[in-house]
Amino acid sequence: MKTEISYKIEMHRRLCLQKDVKEVKYWIGVLEHFNNELDHFKIIEKQLIKQSSLSGTIQAVRRKNILNMAALCKYEQALKVEQEYGKIEYDVTRSKLHEQKRDSYLKVIEDYNILKHQFYVLLRKYHRK
């Protein structure tokens, strides 16, 4: 009976960690895509808009994005190690840590969306003649 319960706990732990790893991989992919878009924004700003405040904002969002990607990559590696070798139960503390990572990811997305809106508003001023 005890081994059946411990087996179920272990399976739950593995499934939760597997879900977290997949979610983190998705987040990293989204942030990589944002990074590519920020490269394009920077080029458009430099060639067309020429507004130093926008350039600074793009750079700031890019920095936050890269730092968050690095933190998520470290977190992904830690999750993989825990999934493979760890024995720590998946509990409220581990869940809260994952939620903190999600919150930092969502903050980067929010900052990016604000920048994107600001960028497109500025871009509307330009039209073909």
Protein backbone atom coordinates (compact mmCIF):
# COMPACT_ATOMS: atom_id res chain seq x y z
CA MET A 1 0.00 0.00 0.00
CA LYS A 2 2.78 2.38 0.95
CA THR A 3 4.67 1.79 -2.30
CA GLU A 4 1.51 2.42 -4.34
CA ILE A 5 1.04 5.79 -2.63
CA SER A 6 4.70 6.72 -3.04
CA TYR A 7 4.50 5.66 -6.70
CA LYS A 8 1.49 7.95 -7.24
CA ILE A 9 3.27 10.83 -5.50
CA GLU A 10 6.35 10.28 -7.68
CA MET A 11 4.22 10.19 -10.84
CA HIS A 12 2.46 13.39 -9.80
CA ARG A 13 5.84 15.05 -9.17
CA ARG A 14 7.16 13.95 -12.56
CA LEU A 15 4.03 15.09 -14.39
CA CYS A 16 4.08 18.50 -12.71
CA LEU A 17 7.76 18.97 -13.49
CA GLN A 18 7.21 17.85 -17.08
CA LYS A 19 4.38 20.38 -17.43
CA ASP A 20 6.60 23.11 -15.99
CA VAL A 21 9.47 22.26 -18.38
CA LYS A 22 7.15 22.40 -21.39
CA GLU A 23 5.69 25.69 -20.23
CA VAL A 24 9.14 27.22 -19.71
CA LYS A 25 10.24 26.05 -23.17
CA TYR A 26 7.20 27.79 -24.63
CA TRP A 27 7.99 31.00 -22.72
CA ILE A 28 11.58 30.96 -23.97
CA GLY A 29 10.35 30.49 -27.55
CA VAL A 30 8.00 33.46 -27.25
CA LEU A 31 10.78 35.63 -25.82
CA GLU A 32 13.12 34.59 -28.64
CA HIS A 33 10.45 35.68 -31.11
CA PHE A 34 10.12 39.02 -29.30
CA ASN A 35 13.88 39.45 -29.52
CA ASN A 36 13.73 39.03 -33.30
CA GLU A 37 10.89 41.54 -33.55
CA LEU A 38 12.84 43.99 -31.40
CA ASP A 39 15.71 43.73 -33.90
CA HIS A 40 13.29 44.77 -36.65
CA PHE A 41 11.86 47.57 -34.53
CA LYS A 42 15.37 48.87 -33.93
CA ILE A 43 16.15 48.93 -37.65
CA ILE A 44 12.86 50.69 -38.50
CA GLU A 45 13.42 53.21 -35.70
CA LYS A 46 16.94 53.92 -36.90
CA GLN A 47 16.02 54.28 -40.58
CA LEU A 48 12.59 55.89 -40.42
CA ILE A 49 11.39 57.15 -37.06
CA LYS A 50 14.73 58.45 -35.71
CA GLN A 51 13.55 59.09 -32.17
CA SER A 52 16.17 58.52 -29.47
CA SER A 53 13.60 58.01 -26.70
CA LEU A 54 12.04 55.15 -28.67
CA SER A 55 15.50 53.71 -29.31
CA GLY A 56 16.17 53.76 -25.56
CA THR A 57 12.85 52.11 -24.82
CA ILE A 58 13.53 49.37 -27.37
CA GLN A 59 16.94 48.78 -25.79
CA ALA A 60 15.48 48.66 -22.26
CA VAL A 61 12.79 46.14 -23.25
CA ARG A 62 15.41 44.10 -25.08
CA ARG A 63 17.60 44.03 -21.96
CA LYS A 64 14.71 42.88 -19.77
CA ASN A 65 13.81 40.28 -22.37
CA ILE A 66 17.33 38.86 -22.53
CA LEU A 67 17.72 38.79 -18.75
CA ASN A 68 14.40 37.03 -18.41
CA MET A 69 15.35 34.52 -21.11
CA ALA A 70 18.60 33.77 -19.28
CA ALA A 71 16.76 33.27 -15.98
CA LEU A 72 14.23 31.00 -17.66
CA CYS A 73 16.98 28.94 -19.30
CA LYS A 74 18.62 28.41 -15.90
CA TYR A 75 15.24 27.54 -14.41
CA GLU A 76 14.57 25.07 -17.24
CA GLN A 77 17.88 23.34 -16.58
CA ALA A 78 17.14 23.15 -12.86
CA LEU A 79 13.73 21.63 -13.60
CA LYS A 80 15.28 19.03 -15.89
CA VAL A 81 17.85 18.08 -13.25
CA GLU A 82 15.11 17.85 -10.63
CA GLN A 83 12.96 15.81 -12.99
CA GLU A 84 15.78 13.37 -13.70
CA TYR A 85 17.56 13.08 -10.35
CA GLY A 86 15.56 14.89 -7.68
CA LYS A 87 13.36 13.44 -5.03
CA ILE A 88 11.84 16.63 -3.62
CA GLU A 89 8.06 16.54 -3.56
CA TYR A 90 6.19 18.95 -5.83
CA ASP A 91 4.56 21.11 -3.19
CA VAL A 92 3.19 24.61 -2.68
CA THR A 93 6.68 26.11 -2.43
CA ARG A 94 7.72 24.70 -5.81
CA SER A 95 4.41 25.81 -7.31
CA LYS A 96 4.90 29.35 -5.96
CA LEU A 97 8.38 29.48 -7.49
CA HIS A 98 6.92 28.53 -10.86
CA GLU A 99 4.23 31.19 -10.47
CA GLN A 100 6.95 33.80 -9.76
CA LYS A 101 8.69 32.78 -13.00
CA ARG A 102 5.36 33.09 -14.82
CA ASP A 103 4.79 36.55 -13.34
CA SER A 104 8.21 37.77 -14.47
CA TYR A 105 7.53 36.35 -17.95
CA LEU A 106 4.14 38.07 -18.08
CA LYS A 107 5.73 41.36 -17.02
CA VAL A 108 8.13 41.16 -19.98
CA ILE A 109 5.18 40.47 -22.30
CA GLU A 110 3.33 43.44 -20.85
CA ASP A 111 6.35 45.72 -21.36
CA TYR A 112 6.77 44.42 -24.89
CA ASN A 113 3.10 45.01 -25.76
CA ILE A 114 3.29 48.57 -24.43
CA LEU A 115 6.37 49.19 -26.58
CA LYS A 116 4.73 47.61 -29.63
CA HIS A 117 1.67 49.82 -29.23
CA GLN A 118 3.86 52.91 -28.81
CA PHE A 119 5.90 51.89 -31.87
CA TYR A 120 2.86 51.39 -34.09
CA VAL A 121 1.33 54.70 -32.99
CA LEU A 122 4.52 56.46 -34.05
CA LEU A 123 4.63 54.48 -37.30
CA ARG A 124 1.12 55.65 -38.23
CA LYS A 125 2.53 59.12 -38.89
CA TYR A 126 4.35 57.78 -41.92
CA HIS A 127 2.50 57.06 -45.14
CA ARG A 128 3.29 56.73 -48.81
CA LYS A 129 2.76 59.70 -51.05
